[in-house]
C-alpha cells in the first residue's frame, strides 16, 4: 500500500491530509474502558473510533499468486516485465519441513486454524455500526413498525453479548 510506511507514519499522513480539512475526520475523544483510538470517522450512524495498530498489515491486498503467474507468462512484454518471478528462497532462510514428519490430518488442521482464528478474534477490538432497515423491500417513504421493533429489540439485546 505504502512502500516504506509504518502504522505511525500512516496515522501522521492521515492527520496532515484530513484533520481540519475533512468534516468526517476527527481526533478521537479518549473513552475509559475502550481500546486506544488513533482517529475517528463520522459516519451517518455516529462517530466510530479506529485504532491503527496493525492497520497496514491487515489492509494489504496482494495480488493472487495465480494472477501474478498469469501476468509473468503474458505475451504482452510490458505486463510480463511488471511482474517478474520472485527470487528463489534460500533453503537456510526457509527453515524447511522435517523429512519423514507426520502428515497433518484435516481435522487437526481445522482445529489449529480454528484456534488461530479465535485467538485473533479475542485480540481484536471490533467496531460495529448498527443499522435498522425500515422495510423489507427497502422502499423509500414506507416503514414496517413490526420489523423496526424486532430489529431494535434484537440489536439492543445483543449489545453486551461476548459471543457475537
C-alpha atoms as a PDB file:
ATOM      1  CA  UNK A   1       0.000   0.000   0.000  1.00  0.00           C
ATOM      2  CA  UNK A   2       2.703   2.464   1.077  1.00  0.00           C
ATOM      3  CA  UNK A   3       6.225   1.144   0.345  1.00  0.00           C
ATOM      4  CA  UNK A   4       8.193   2.474   3.327  1.00  0.00           C
ATOM      5  CA  UNK A   5       5.360   3.174   5.705  1.00  0.00           C
ATOM      6  CA  UNK A   6       4.504   2.137   9.226  1.00  0.00           C
ATOM      7  CA  UNK A   7       1.252   2.408  11.142  1.00  0.00           C
ATOM      8  CA  UNK A   8       2.522   5.587  12.819  1.00  0.00           C
ATOM      9  CA  UNK A   9       3.576   7.279   9.570  1.00  0.00           C
ATOM     10  CA  UNK A  10       0.207   6.299   8.082  1.00  0.00           C
ATOM     11  CA  UNK A  11      -1.565   7.967  11.026  1.00  0.00           C
ATOM     12  CA  UNK A  12       0.623  11.077  10.645  1.00  0.00           C
ATOM     13  CA  UNK A  13      -0.246  11.242   6.951  1.00  0.00           C
ATOM     14  CA  UNK A  14      -3.968  10.893   7.733  1.00  0.00           C
ATOM     15  CA  UNK A  15      -3.733  13.745  10.233  1.00  0.00           C
ATOM     16  CA  UNK A  16      -1.765  16.012   7.884  1.00  0.00           C
ATOM     17  CA  UNK A  17      -4.113  15.416   4.953  1.00  0.00           C
ATOM     18  CA  UNK A  18      -7.501  15.269   6.690  1.00  0.00           C
ATOM     19  CA  UNK A  19      -7.521  16.829  10.180  1.00  0.00           C
ATOM     20  CA  UNK A  20      -9.330  20.157   9.944  1.00  0.00           C
ATOM     21  CA  UNK A  21      -9.819  19.686   6.191  1.00  0.00           C
ATOM     22  CA  UNK A  22     -12.356  16.842   6.116  1.00  0.00           C
ATOM     23  CA  UNK A  23     -15.535  17.098   8.199  1.00  0.00           C
ATOM     24  CA  UNK A  24     -15.750  13.334   8.701  1.00  0.00           C
ATOM     25  CA  UNK A  25     -12.206  13.017  10.118  1.00  0.00           C
ATOM     26  CA  UNK A  26     -11.675  13.833  13.805  1.00  0.00           C
ATOM     27  CA  UNK A  27      -9.225  13.354  16.623  1.00  0.00           C
ATOM     28  CA  UNK A  28     -10.741  10.748  18.958  1.00  0.00           C
ATOM     29  CA  UNK A  29     -12.027  11.629  22.397  1.00  0.00           C
ATOM     30  CA  UNK A  30     -10.500   9.158  24.893  1.00  0.00           C
ATOM     31  CA  UNK A  31     -13.070   6.857  26.481  1.00  0.00           C
ATOM     32  CA  UNK A  32     -12.483   4.805  29.615  1.00  0.00           C
ATOM     33  CA  UNK A  33     -12.626   1.049  29.177  1.00  0.00           C
ATOM     34  CA  UNK A  34     -12.242   1.149  25.401  1.00  0.00           C
ATOM     35  CA  UNK A  35      -9.236   0.343  23.247  1.00  0.00           C
ATOM     36  CA  UNK A  36      -6.955   3.256  22.407  1.00  0.00           C
ATOM     37  CA  UNK A  37      -8.236   5.133  19.377  1.00  0.00           C
ATOM     38  CA  UNK A  38      -5.969   6.950  16.931  1.00  0.00           C
ATOM     39  CA  UNK A  39      -8.560   8.616  14.707  1.00  0.00           C
ATOM     40  CA  UNK A  40     -12.328   8.912  14.384  1.00  0.00           C
ATOM     41  CA  UNK A  41     -14.631   8.950  11.379  1.00  0.00           C
ATOM     42  CA  UNK A  42     -18.075  10.472  11.499  1.00  0.00           C
ATOM     43  CA  UNK A  43     -20.472   8.041   9.804  1.00  0.00           C
ATOM     44  CA  UNK A  44     -24.176   8.648   9.237  1.00  0.00           C
ATOM     45  CA  UNK A  45     -24.932   6.460  12.263  1.00  0.00           C
ATOM     46  CA  UNK A  46     -22.420   8.153  14.573  1.00  0.00           C
ATOM     47  CA  UNK A  47     -18.722   8.615  15.248  1.00  0.00           C
ATOM     48  CA  UNK A  48     -16.553   5.490  15.125  1.00  0.00           C
ATOM     49  CA  UNK A  49     -13.061   5.374  16.666  1.00  0.00           C
ATOM     50  CA  UNK A  50     -10.289   3.430  14.931  1.00  0.00           C
ATOM     51  CA  UNK A  51      -7.005   2.032  16.205  1.00  0.00           C
ATOM     52  CA  UNK A  52      -4.153   1.990  13.667  1.00  0.00           C
ATOM     53  CA  UNK A  53      -2.150  -0.807  15.301  1.00  0.00           C
ATOM     54  CA  UNK A  54      -1.561  -3.374  12.550  1.00  0.00           C
ATOM     55  CA  UNK A  55      -3.656  -1.285  10.122  1.00  0.00           C
ATOM     56  CA  UNK A  56      -1.329  -1.510   7.107  1.00  0.00           C
ATOM     57  CA  UNK A  57      -0.703  -5.227   7.533  1.00  0.00           C
ATOM     58  CA  UNK A  58      -4.421  -6.008   7.888  1.00  0.00           C
ATOM     59  CA  UNK A  59      -5.310  -3.933   4.841  1.00  0.00           C
ATOM     60  CA  UNK A  60      -2.743  -5.276   2.402  1.00  0.00           C
ATOM     61  CA  UNK A  61      -4.391  -6.564  -0.717  1.00  0.00           C
ATOM     62  CA  UNK A  62      -1.721  -8.512  -2.596  1.00  0.00           C
ATOM     63  CA  UNK A  63      -2.407  -9.995  -5.988  1.00  0.00           C
ATOM     64  CA  UNK A  64      -3.267 -13.664  -6.025  1.00  0.00           C
ATOM     65  CA  UNK A  65      -0.249 -15.860  -6.919  1.00  0.00           C
ATOM     66  CA  UNK A  66      -2.082 -17.383  -9.877  1.00  0.00           C
ATOM     67  CA  UNK A  67      -2.773 -13.888 -11.267  1.00  0.00           C
ATOM     68  CA  UNK A  68       0.915 -12.969 -10.938  1.00  0.00           C
ATOM     69  CA  UNK A  69       1.928 -16.217 -12.673  1.00  0.00           C
ATOM     70  CA  UNK A  70      -0.520 -15.487 -15.481  1.00  0.00           C
ATOM     71  CA  UNK A  71       0.958 -11.994 -15.934  1.00  0.00           C
ATOM     72  CA  UNK A  72       4.502 -13.410 -15.886  1.00  0.00           C
ATOM     73  CA  UNK A  73       3.613 -15.718 -18.799  1.00  0.00           C
ATOM     74  CA  UNK A  74       1.820 -12.973 -20.720  1.00  0.00           C
ATOM     75  CA  UNK A  75       2.651 -12.354 -24.365  1.00  0.00           C
ATOM     76  CA  UNK A  76       2.440  -8.629 -23.631  1.00  0.00           C
ATOM     77  CA  UNK A  77       6.083  -7.888 -22.818  1.00  0.00           C
ATOM     78  CA  UNK A  78       5.444  -4.894 -20.572  1.00  0.00           C
ATOM     79  CA  UNK A  79       2.954  -6.874 -18.475  1.00  0.00           C
ATOM     80  CA  UNK A  80       5.416  -9.744 -18.057  1.00  0.00           C
ATOM     81  CA  UNK A  81       8.155  -7.245 -17.129  1.00  0.00           C
ATOM     82  CA  UNK A  82       5.968  -5.641 -14.445  1.00  0.00           C
ATOM     83  CA  UNK A  83       5.536  -8.979 -12.662  1.00  0.00           C
ATOM     84  CA  UNK A  84       8.915 -10.736 -12.568  1.00  0.00           C
ATOM     85  CA  UNK A  85       9.047 -14.077 -10.754  1.00  0.00           C
ATOM     86  CA  UNK A  86      10.114 -13.817  -7.091  1.00  0.00           C
ATOM     87  CA  UNK A  87      13.764 -14.568  -6.287  1.00  0.00           C
ATOM     88  CA  UNK A  88      14.373 -18.173  -5.197  1.00  0.00           C
ATOM     89  CA  UNK A  89      14.317 -18.589  -1.428  1.00  0.00           C
ATOM     90  CA  UNK A  90      17.464 -19.733   0.339  1.00  0.00           C
ATOM     91  CA  UNK A  91      16.970 -23.149   1.981  1.00  0.00           C
ATOM     92  CA  UNK A  92      18.555 -21.860   5.210  1.00  0.00           C
ATOM     93  CA  UNK A  93      16.045 -18.999   5.393  1.00  0.00           C
ATOM     94  CA  UNK A  94      13.119 -21.211   4.503  1.00  0.00           C
ATOM     95  CA  UNK A  95      13.519 -23.308   7.621  1.00  0.00           C
ATOM     96  CA  UNK A  96      12.299 -26.307   5.615  1.00  0.00           C
ATOM     97  CA  UNK A  97       9.986 -29.016   6.814  1.00  0.00           C
ATOM     98  CA  UNK A  98      11.372 -32.041   8.587  1.00  0.00           C
ATOM     99  CA  UNK A  99      11.818 -35.054   6.379  1.00  0.00           C
ATOM    100  CA  UNK A 100       9.730 -38.001   7.419  1.00  0.00           C
ATOM    101  CA  UNK A 101       7.448 -35.847   9.611  1.00  0.00           C
ATOM    102  CA  UNK A 102       3.913 -36.994  10.238  1.00  0.00           C
ATOM    103  CA  UNK A 103       1.130 -35.749   7.968  1.00  0.00           C
ATOM    104  CA  UNK A 104      -1.359 -33.354   9.496  1.00  0.00           C
ATOM    105  CA  UNK A 105      -4.921 -34.638   9.312  1.00  0.00           C
ATOM    106  CA  UNK A 106      -7.755 -32.477   8.024  1.00  0.00           C
ATOM    107  CA  UNK A 107      -9.370 -32.389  11.465  1.00  0.00           C
ATOM    108  CA  UNK A 108      -6.146 -31.391  13.246  1.00  0.00           C
ATOM    109  CA  UNK A 109      -5.539 -28.680  10.648  1.00  0.00           C
ATOM    110  CA  UNK A 110      -9.138 -27.474  11.146  1.00  0.00           C
ATOM    111  CA  UNK A 111      -8.679 -27.365  14.938  1.00  0.00           C
ATOM    112  CA  UNK A 112      -5.403 -25.478  14.551  1.00  0.00           C
ATOM    113  CA  UNK A 113      -6.954 -22.946  12.148  1.00  0.00           C
ATOM    114  CA  UNK A 114      -9.990 -22.527  14.401  1.00  0.00           C
ATOM    115  CA  UNK A 115      -7.723 -21.952  17.404  1.00  0.00           C
ATOM    116  CA  UNK A 116      -5.732 -19.315  15.461  1.00  0.00           C
ATOM    117  CA  UNK A 117      -8.952 -17.607  14.365  1.00  0.00           C
ATOM    118  CA  UNK A 118     -10.348 -17.499  17.907  1.00  0.00           C
ATOM    119  CA  UNK A 119      -7.033 -16.162  19.252  1.00  0.00           C
ATOM    120  CA  UNK A 120      -7.073 -13.469  16.577  1.00  0.00           C
ATOM    121  CA  UNK A 121     -10.702 -12.546  17.292  1.00  0.00           C
ATOM    122  CA  UNK A 122     -10.068 -12.313  21.040  1.00  0.00           C
ATOM    123  CA  UNK A 123      -7.114  -9.974  20.448  1.00  0.00           C
ATOM    124  CA  UNK A 124      -9.081  -7.519  18.289  1.00  0.00           C
ATOM    125  CA  UNK A 125     -11.330  -4.627  19.156  1.00  0.00           C
ATOM    126  CA  UNK A 126     -14.122  -4.729  16.561  1.00  0.00           C
ATOM    127  CA  UNK A 127     -16.319  -1.739  15.806  1.00  0.00           C
ATOM    128  CA  UNK A 128     -19.941  -2.260  14.875  1.00  0.00           C
ATOM    129  CA  UNK A 129     -22.357   0.253  13.428  1.00  0.00           C
ATOM    130  CA  UNK A 130     -25.908  -0.956  13.926  1.00  0.00           C
ATOM    131  CA  UNK A 131     -28.454  -0.055  11.276  1.00  0.00           C
ATOM    132  CA  UNK A 132     -32.199  -0.565  11.191  1.00  0.00           C
ATOM    133  CA  UNK A 133     -33.913  -1.432   7.916  1.00  0.00           C
ATOM    134  CA  UNK A 134     -37.200   0.488   7.610  1.00  0.00           C
ATOM    135  CA  UNK A 135     -38.917  -2.151   5.435  1.00  0.00           C
ATOM    136  CA  UNK A 136     -38.038  -5.429   3.744  1.00  0.00           C
ATOM    137  CA  UNK A 137     -38.437  -4.044   0.226  1.00  0.00           C
ATOM    138  CA  UNK A 138     -36.152  -1.094   1.118  1.00  0.00           C
ATOM    139  CA  UNK A 139     -38.678   1.238  -0.498  1.00  0.00           C
ATOM    140  CA  UNK A 140     -38.230   4.907   0.469  1.00  0.00           C
ATOM    141  CA  UNK A 141     -41.020   6.583   2.406  1.00  0.00           C
ATOM    142  CA  UNK A 142     -42.560   3.402   3.817  1.00  0.00           C
ATOM    143  CA  UNK A 143     -41.996   1.711   7.133  1.00  0.00           C
ATOM    144  CA  UNK A 144     -42.825  -1.539   8.863  1.00  0.00           C
ATOM    145  CA  UNK A 145     -43.221  -0.923  12.596  1.00  0.00           C
ATOM    146  CA  UNK A 146     -43.112  -4.662  13.469  1.00  0.00           C
ATOM    147  CA  UNK A 147     -39.826  -5.108  11.573  1.00  0.00           C
ATOM    148  CA  UNK A 148     -38.372  -1.957  13.168  1.00  0.00           C
ATOM    149  CA  UNK A 149     -39.405  -3.024  16.663  1.00  0.00           C
ATOM    150  CA  UNK A 150     -37.975  -6.536  16.352  1.00  0.00           C
ATOM    151  CA  UNK A 151     -34.753  -5.232  14.740  1.00  0.00           C
ATOM    152  CA  UNK A 152     -34.299  -2.683  17.506  1.00  0.00           C
ATOM    153  CA  UNK A 153     -35.003  -5.240  20.246  1.00  0.00           C
ATOM    154  CA  UNK A 154     -32.561  -7.709  18.684  1.00  0.00           C
ATOM    155  CA  UNK A 155     -29.783  -5.139  18.274  1.00  0.00           C
ATOM    156  CA  UNK A 156     -30.106  -3.795  21.826  1.00  0.00           C
ATOM    157  CA  UNK A 157     -30.410  -7.249  23.415  1.00  0.00           C
ATOM    158  CA  UNK A 158     -27.088  -8.256  21.858  1.00  0.00           C
ATOM    159  CA  UNK A 159     -25.069  -5.149  22.727  1.00  0.00           C
ATOM    160  CA  UNK A 160     -23.173  -6.842  25.542  1.00  0.00           C
ATOM    161  CA  UNK A 161     -23.167 -10.391  24.192  1.00  0.00           C
ATOM    162  CA  UNK A 162     -19.491 -11.533  24.233  1.00  0.00           C
ATOM    163  CA  UNK A 163     -20.274 -14.363  21.796  1.00  0.00           C
ATOM    164  CA  UNK A 164     -21.092 -12.004  18.908  1.00  0.00           C
END
